[in-house]
C-alpha cells in the first residue's frame, strides 16, 4: 500500500546583514535583506511568527548584537524559526552561543579562543 506524505510548506531561507555577505547567500538561494534597518528586521520576524512560517534565518553578528525585540523573542522561544549568527568576512570566528558562554564560565574564555584557532 502506497502512502503519500505531503511535504508541507517549505522552509524559508533568509539572510539579514552586510551587503558583501548577502551576495553569497543570494547565490545559494536565500532571500536576502542587505544592511537592514532594525525595525525592518523586527517587522520581518514578527510577520514570520504571525504567519507561522518555518524559516532558517542567518544574521550577521552586527544584527545579532542589536536590541531587536522580536529577534530576542524568536531566540527565547525557538520553534519554527531557527536563527544563527555569522561573523563579518574580515572578522575572526568566535563562539557566541549559550553553550559557548557556559563553557567559557566553566573553563575560561581563553580555552575556547585557543580551541577555535586550532592551537593548544
C-alpha atoms as a PDB file:
ATOM      1  CA  UNK A   1       0.000   0.000   0.000  1.00  0.00           C
ATOM      2  CA  UNK A   2       1.442   3.357  -1.042  1.00  0.00           C
ATOM      3  CA  UNK A   3       1.058   6.256   1.277  1.00  0.00           C
ATOM      4  CA  UNK A   4       1.584   9.844   0.332  1.00  0.00           C
ATOM      5  CA  UNK A   5       3.422  12.043   2.806  1.00  0.00           C
ATOM      6  CA  UNK A   6       2.865  15.667   1.998  1.00  0.00           C
ATOM      7  CA  UNK A   7       5.987  17.758   2.412  1.00  0.00           C
ATOM      8  CA  UNK A   8       4.057  20.699   3.800  1.00  0.00           C
ATOM      9  CA  UNK A   9       5.161  24.253   3.461  1.00  0.00           C
ATOM     10  CA  UNK A  10       8.798  24.787   2.524  1.00  0.00           C
ATOM     11  CA  UNK A  11      11.195  26.403   4.952  1.00  0.00           C
ATOM     12  CA  UNK A  12      12.139  29.941   4.005  1.00  0.00           C
ATOM     13  CA  UNK A  13      15.850  30.688   3.874  1.00  0.00           C
ATOM     14  CA  UNK A  14      16.691  34.277   4.808  1.00  0.00           C
ATOM     15  CA  UNK A  15      19.852  36.308   5.279  1.00  0.00           C
ATOM     16  CA  UNK A  16      19.855  39.669   7.059  1.00  0.00           C
ATOM     17  CA  UNK A  17      23.145  41.528   7.277  1.00  0.00           C
ATOM     18  CA  UNK A  18      26.111  43.043   5.487  1.00  0.00           C
ATOM     19  CA  UNK A  19      25.702  43.594   1.778  1.00  0.00           C
ATOM     20  CA  UNK A  20      29.009  41.870   0.973  1.00  0.00           C
ATOM     21  CA  UNK A  21      27.749  38.698   2.678  1.00  0.00           C
ATOM     22  CA  UNK A  22      24.297  38.971   1.122  1.00  0.00           C
ATOM     23  CA  UNK A  23      25.642  38.354  -2.389  1.00  0.00           C
ATOM     24  CA  UNK A  24      26.908  34.892  -1.459  1.00  0.00           C
ATOM     25  CA  UNK A  25      23.672  33.936   0.268  1.00  0.00           C
ATOM     26  CA  UNK A  26      21.660  35.179  -2.696  1.00  0.00           C
ATOM     27  CA  UNK A  27      23.682  32.903  -4.997  1.00  0.00           C
ATOM     28  CA  UNK A  28      22.722  29.825  -2.975  1.00  0.00           C
ATOM     29  CA  UNK A  29      19.024  30.647  -2.933  1.00  0.00           C
ATOM     30  CA  UNK A  30      18.445  32.699   0.213  1.00  0.00           C
ATOM     31  CA  UNK A  31      16.117  35.667   0.357  1.00  0.00           C
ATOM     32  CA  UNK A  32      18.480  38.477   1.269  1.00  0.00           C
ATOM     33  CA  UNK A  33      17.981  41.715   3.145  1.00  0.00           C
ATOM     34  CA  UNK A  34      21.274  43.624   2.888  1.00  0.00           C
ATOM     35  CA  UNK A  35      22.038  46.205   5.566  1.00  0.00           C
ATOM     36  CA  UNK A  36      18.531  46.002   7.068  1.00  0.00           C
ATOM     37  CA  UNK A  37      17.150  48.673   9.361  1.00  0.00           C
ATOM     38  CA  UNK A  38      16.458  47.365  12.859  1.00  0.00           C
ATOM     39  CA  UNK A  39      12.729  47.995  12.545  1.00  0.00           C
ATOM     40  CA  UNK A  40      12.699  46.023   9.263  1.00  0.00           C
ATOM     41  CA  UNK A  41      14.327  43.033  10.994  1.00  0.00           C
ATOM     42  CA  UNK A  42      11.783  43.275  13.797  1.00  0.00           C
ATOM     43  CA  UNK A  43       8.873  43.538  11.351  1.00  0.00           C
ATOM     44  CA  UNK A  44      10.067  40.620   9.191  1.00  0.00           C
ATOM     45  CA  UNK A  45      10.456  38.322  12.199  1.00  0.00           C
ATOM     46  CA  UNK A  46       7.075  39.427  13.533  1.00  0.00           C
ATOM     47  CA  UNK A  47       5.467  38.509  10.192  1.00  0.00           C
ATOM     48  CA  UNK A  48       7.187  35.100  10.163  1.00  0.00           C
ATOM     49  CA  UNK A  49       5.797  34.377  13.617  1.00  0.00           C
ATOM     50  CA  UNK A  50       2.339  35.703  12.819  1.00  0.00           C
ATOM     51  CA  UNK A  51       2.067  33.574   9.675  1.00  0.00           C
ATOM     52  CA  UNK A  52       3.590  30.541  11.466  1.00  0.00           C
ATOM     53  CA  UNK A  53       6.155  30.206   8.693  1.00  0.00           C
ATOM     54  CA  UNK A  54       9.082  27.807   9.051  1.00  0.00           C
ATOM     55  CA  UNK A  55      12.316  29.717   8.484  1.00  0.00           C
ATOM     56  CA  UNK A  56      16.068  29.346   8.714  1.00  0.00           C
ATOM     57  CA  UNK A  57      17.404  32.849   9.334  1.00  0.00           C
ATOM     58  CA  UNK A  58      21.075  33.757   9.104  1.00  0.00           C
ATOM     59  CA  UNK A  59      22.062  37.142  10.524  1.00  0.00           C
ATOM     60  CA  UNK A  60      25.459  38.743  10.818  1.00  0.00           C
ATOM     61  CA  UNK A  61      26.967  39.454  14.225  1.00  0.00           C
ATOM     62  CA  UNK A  62      26.073  43.147  13.941  1.00  0.00           C
ATOM     63  CA  UNK A  63      22.359  42.361  13.633  1.00  0.00           C
ATOM     64  CA  UNK A  64      22.522  39.743  16.394  1.00  0.00           C
ATOM     65  CA  UNK A  65      24.149  42.261  18.749  1.00  0.00           C
ATOM     66  CA  UNK A  66      21.308  44.772  18.372  1.00  0.00           C
ATOM     67  CA  UNK A  67      18.437  45.048  20.816  1.00  0.00           C
ATOM     68  CA  UNK A  68      15.667  43.887  18.467  1.00  0.00           C
ATOM     69  CA  UNK A  69      12.615  42.804  20.485  1.00  0.00           C
ATOM     70  CA  UNK A  70      11.269  40.254  18.003  1.00  0.00           C
ATOM     71  CA  UNK A  71      14.727  38.739  17.459  1.00  0.00           C
ATOM     72  CA  UNK A  72      15.105  38.254  21.208  1.00  0.00           C
ATOM     73  CA  UNK A  73      11.650  36.669  21.345  1.00  0.00           C
ATOM     74  CA  UNK A  74      12.433  34.247  18.490  1.00  0.00           C
ATOM     75  CA  UNK A  75      15.713  33.264  20.176  1.00  0.00           C
ATOM     76  CA  UNK A  76      13.956  32.645  23.507  1.00  0.00           C
ATOM     77  CA  UNK A  77      11.028  30.682  22.091  1.00  0.00           C
ATOM     78  CA  UNK A  78      12.690  28.606  19.387  1.00  0.00           C
ATOM     79  CA  UNK A  79      10.354  26.517  17.266  1.00  0.00           C
ATOM     80  CA  UNK A  80       9.636  27.096  13.604  1.00  0.00           C
ATOM     81  CA  UNK A  81      12.198  29.886  13.209  1.00  0.00           C
ATOM     82  CA  UNK A  82      15.867  28.989  13.615  1.00  0.00           C
ATOM     83  CA  UNK A  83      18.310  31.899  13.843  1.00  0.00           C
ATOM     84  CA  UNK A  84      22.092  31.674  13.626  1.00  0.00           C
ATOM     85  CA  UNK A  85      24.704  34.419  13.519  1.00  0.00           C
ATOM     86  CA  UNK A  86      27.824  34.565  11.374  1.00  0.00           C
ATOM     87  CA  UNK A  87      30.832  36.869  11.709  1.00  0.00           C
ATOM     88  CA  UNK A  88      31.769  39.570   9.226  1.00  0.00           C
ATOM     89  CA  UNK A  89      34.031  38.445   6.393  1.00  0.00           C
ATOM     90  CA  UNK A  90      37.102  40.092   7.875  1.00  0.00           C
ATOM     91  CA  UNK A  91      36.370  39.122  11.492  1.00  0.00           C
ATOM     92  CA  UNK A  92      37.954  36.133  13.215  1.00  0.00           C
ATOM     93  CA  UNK A  93      35.477  33.382  14.071  1.00  0.00           C
ATOM     94  CA  UNK A  94      34.174  33.403  17.616  1.00  0.00           C
ATOM     95  CA  UNK A  95      31.862  31.147  19.543  1.00  0.00           C
ATOM     96  CA  UNK A  96      28.788  33.115  20.607  1.00  0.00           C
ATOM     97  CA  UNK A  97      26.039  30.932  21.997  1.00  0.00           C
ATOM     98  CA  UNK A  98      24.611  29.945  25.344  1.00  0.00           C
ATOM     99  CA  UNK A  99      26.681  26.756  25.259  1.00  0.00           C
ATOM    100  CA  UNK A 100      29.872  28.704  24.464  1.00  0.00           C
ATOM    101  CA  UNK A 101      29.109  31.149  27.281  1.00  0.00           C
ATOM    102  CA  UNK A 102      28.634  28.306  29.763  1.00  0.00           C
ATOM    103  CA  UNK A 103      31.845  26.604  28.638  1.00  0.00           C
ATOM    104  CA  UNK A 104      33.722  29.911  28.978  1.00  0.00           C
ATOM    105  CA  UNK A 105      32.356  30.309  32.503  1.00  0.00           C
ATOM    106  CA  UNK A 106      33.488  26.790  33.424  1.00  0.00           C
ATOM    107  CA  UNK A 107      36.861  26.630  31.676  1.00  0.00           C
ATOM    108  CA  UNK A 108      37.748  30.238  30.908  1.00  0.00           C
ATOM    109  CA  UNK A 109      37.335  32.211  27.703  1.00  0.00           C
ATOM    110  CA  UNK A 110      40.972  31.620  26.696  1.00  0.00           C
ATOM    111  CA  UNK A 111      40.287  27.890  26.390  1.00  0.00           C
ATOM    112  CA  UNK A 112      37.582  28.491  23.798  1.00  0.00           C
ATOM    113  CA  UNK A 113      39.672  31.013  21.878  1.00  0.00           C
ATOM    114  CA  UNK A 114      42.638  28.659  21.639  1.00  0.00           C
ATOM    115  CA  UNK A 115      40.492  25.733  20.524  1.00  0.00           C
ATOM    116  CA  UNK A 116      38.732  27.774  17.857  1.00  0.00           C
ATOM    117  CA  UNK A 117      42.065  28.692  16.254  1.00  0.00           C
ATOM    118  CA  UNK A 118      43.336  25.119  16.433  1.00  0.00           C
ATOM    119  CA  UNK A 119      46.071  25.976  18.943  1.00  0.00           C
ATOM    120  CA  UNK A 120      46.612  24.165  22.216  1.00  0.00           C
END
